[in-house]
Amino acid sequence: MSEAIYNRIAMLRVERGISRRQLADALGVHYQTVGYLERGEFSPSLYLALRIAAYFEVPVEVIFSIEPFPRIGAVGPAQASSPAQAAWPATPAAPAPLGAGPATQPSG
């Protein structure tokens, strides 16, 4: 039986513009540890997993799973087969460019 732990650390880190070294410093670990975690070469302790989740301000099951995560956009919350998949928010629509909204006339 495989005891692989899958994670979304790299995706969250890159999405938020954080370097491995910055994340490592915030967590109090060596920057290489972050790389090992991202590549699945090292499974975090429960304490470290909870600290990572707290750092990204998401539930731990959004970051870690014992099953591979679906590709982003492959599963929506309505079709999710696990709570971790349903917990991951869909990407919001991009806001309209400035000045692209409906024209309004001054009243009066």
Foldseek 3Di string as FASTA:
>chain_A
DDQFKAFCLVVLCVVVVHQLCRLCVQLVHHSVVSVCVNVRVDDDDPVSLVSSCVVSVADSLLTIDSDDDDDQPPDELVRDPDPNNNRDDHDDDDDDDPPPDDDDDDDD
